């Protein structure tokens, strides 16, 4: 899997588009495509992408199949390329939104109950 498709997967999992990412980092989609497809992307652009996606810069250079020694604990063990990680983050965000909505509904119902008790 190439870098562009990996980035696109993460962007999509976070609920955004590749085009939005390009705009956010100040490039046209065509310029970002060219840089990624011709391996001419500079480190500053990768840094902007990593910040926009909230991932470590070194994740772009990490071998997705790399294994650490079982006796060693990884310093930073986030697998950018694992689709389940991105899916889980999206799921967590959706659950947080649902919780906020449920809290709002409970508050409204409590207000209605209090109003009925006062009558």
Protein backbone atom coordinates (compact mmCIF):
# COMPACT_ATOMS: atom_id res chain seq x y z
CA UNK A 1 0.00 0.00 0.00
CA UNK A 2 1.43 3.38 -0.95
CA UNK A 3 1.62 6.46 1.24
CA UNK A 4 -1.26 8.26 -0.49
CA UNK A 5 -3.69 5.38 0.00
CA UNK A 6 -2.63 5.01 3.64
CA UNK A 7 -3.16 8.72 4.27
CA UNK A 8 -6.50 8.57 2.45
CA UNK A 9 -7.64 5.69 4.69
CA UNK A 10 -6.81 7.62 7.85
CA UNK A 11 -8.47 10.79 6.54
CA UNK A 12 -11.61 8.87 5.60
CA UNK A 13 -11.72 7.08 8.96
CA UNK A 14 -11.61 10.47 10.66
CA UNK A 15 -14.61 11.61 8.64
CA UNK A 16 -12.81 13.94 6.25
CA UNK A 17 -11.76 13.89 2.61
CA UNK A 18 -8.39 13.91 0.92
CA UNK A 19 -9.36 17.21 -0.69
CA UNK A 20 -10.08 18.74 2.73
CA UNK A 21 -6.68 17.58 3.97
CA UNK A 22 -4.94 19.21 0.99
CA UNK A 23 -6.79 22.47 1.59
CA UNK A 24 -6.08 22.32 5.34
CA UNK A 25 -2.33 22.01 4.80
CA UNK A 26 -2.34 24.75 2.17
CA UNK A 27 -1.80 22.72 -1.00
CA UNK A 28 -3.95 21.99 -3.98
CA UNK A 29 -5.09 18.41 -4.28
CA UNK A 30 -3.09 18.13 -7.54
CA UNK A 31 0.12 19.35 -5.84
CA UNK A 32 -0.32 16.91 -2.95
CA UNK A 33 -1.06 14.08 -5.41
CA UNK A 34 2.06 14.87 -7.41
CA UNK A 35 4.28 15.01 -4.33
CA UNK A 36 2.98 11.70 -3.00
CA UNK A 37 2.97 9.87 -6.31
CA UNK A 38 6.49 11.00 -7.26
CA UNK A 39 8.00 10.59 -3.78
CA UNK A 40 8.91 14.25 -3.77
CA UNK A 41 6.99 15.28 -0.66
CA UNK A 42 9.06 17.31 1.76
CA UNK A 43 9.32 16.73 5.48
CA UNK A 44 7.45 19.95 6.28
CA UNK A 45 4.43 18.75 4.33
CA UNK A 46 4.56 15.38 6.07
CA UNK A 47 4.73 17.22 9.38
CA UNK A 48 1.63 19.25 8.47
CA UNK A 49 -0.20 16.06 7.50
CA UNK A 50 0.81 14.33 10.72
CA UNK A 51 -0.42 17.27 12.79
CA UNK A 52 -3.67 17.47 10.84
CA UNK A 53 -4.30 13.75 11.38
CA UNK A 54 -2.99 13.74 14.98
CA UNK A 55 -0.44 11.03 14.30
CA UNK A 56 3.29 10.93 14.88
CA UNK A 57 5.54 12.02 12.05
CA UNK A 58 7.67 8.92 12.37
CA UNK A 59 4.61 6.76 11.59
CA UNK A 60 5.13 7.59 7.92
CA UNK A 61 8.50 5.85 7.99
CA UNK A 62 7.65 2.91 10.19
CA UNK A 63 7.49 -0.54 8.67
CA UNK A 64 3.90 -1.69 9.21
CA UNK A 65 5.13 -5.27 9.74
CA UNK A 66 7.96 -4.38 12.11
CA UNK A 67 8.08 -6.40 15.29
CA UNK A 68 9.70 -5.40 18.53
CA UNK A 69 11.53 -7.83 20.74
CA UNK A 70 9.12 -9.33 23.22
CA UNK A 71 11.44 -8.34 26.04
CA UNK A 72 11.31 -4.69 24.96
CA UNK A 73 8.36 -2.40 25.30
CA UNK A 74 7.85 -0.14 22.30
CA UNK A 75 8.44 3.54 22.97
CA UNK A 76 5.53 4.51 20.80
CA UNK A 77 3.30 1.72 19.61
CA UNK A 78 0.63 3.26 17.40
CA UNK A 79 0.18 1.44 14.13
CA UNK A 80 -0.94 4.11 11.72
CA UNK A 81 -1.65 1.56 9.04
CA UNK A 82 -3.98 -0.64 11.06
CA UNK A 83 -7.45 0.16 9.74
CA UNK A 84 -9.05 -1.05 12.95
CA UNK A 85 -7.27 1.72 14.88
CA UNK A 86 -8.80 4.40 12.68
CA UNK A 87 -12.18 2.73 12.76
CA UNK A 88 -12.05 2.49 16.54
CA UNK A 89 -11.17 6.17 16.88
CA UNK A 90 -14.12 7.10 14.68
CA UNK A 91 -16.38 4.78 16.67
CA UNK A 92 -15.23 6.32 19.95
CA UNK A 93 -15.92 9.82 18.67
CA UNK A 94 -19.40 8.78 17.54
CA UNK A 95 -20.09 7.22 20.93
CA UNK A 96 -18.98 10.41 22.69
CA UNK A 97 -21.43 12.39 20.58
CA UNK A 98 -24.22 9.95 21.42
CA UNK A 99 -23.42 10.21 25.13
CA UNK A 100 -23.62 14.00 24.97
CA UNK A 101 -26.97 13.77 23.21
CA UNK A 102 -28.30 11.31 25.79
CA UNK A 103 -27.15 13.57 28.64
CA UNK A 104 -29.00 16.44 27.00
CA UNK A 105 -32.16 14.35 26.69
CA UNK A 106 -31.91 13.28 30.35
CA UNK A 107 -31.54 16.88 31.44
CA UNK A 108 -34.63 17.85 29.44
CA UNK A 109 -36.64 14.96 30.93
CA UNK A 110 -35.50 15.86 34.44
CA UNK A 111 -36.72 19.41 33.86
CA UNK A 112 -40.12 18.12 32.70
CA UNK A 113 -40.38 15.83 35.75
CA UNK A 114 -39.46 18.69 38.09
CA UNK A 115 -42.10 20.86 36.41
CA UNK A 116 -44.76 18.19 36.88
CA UNK A 117 -43.85 17.68 40.52
CA UNK A 118 -44.28 21.40 41.24
CA UNK A 119 -47.89 21.37 39.98
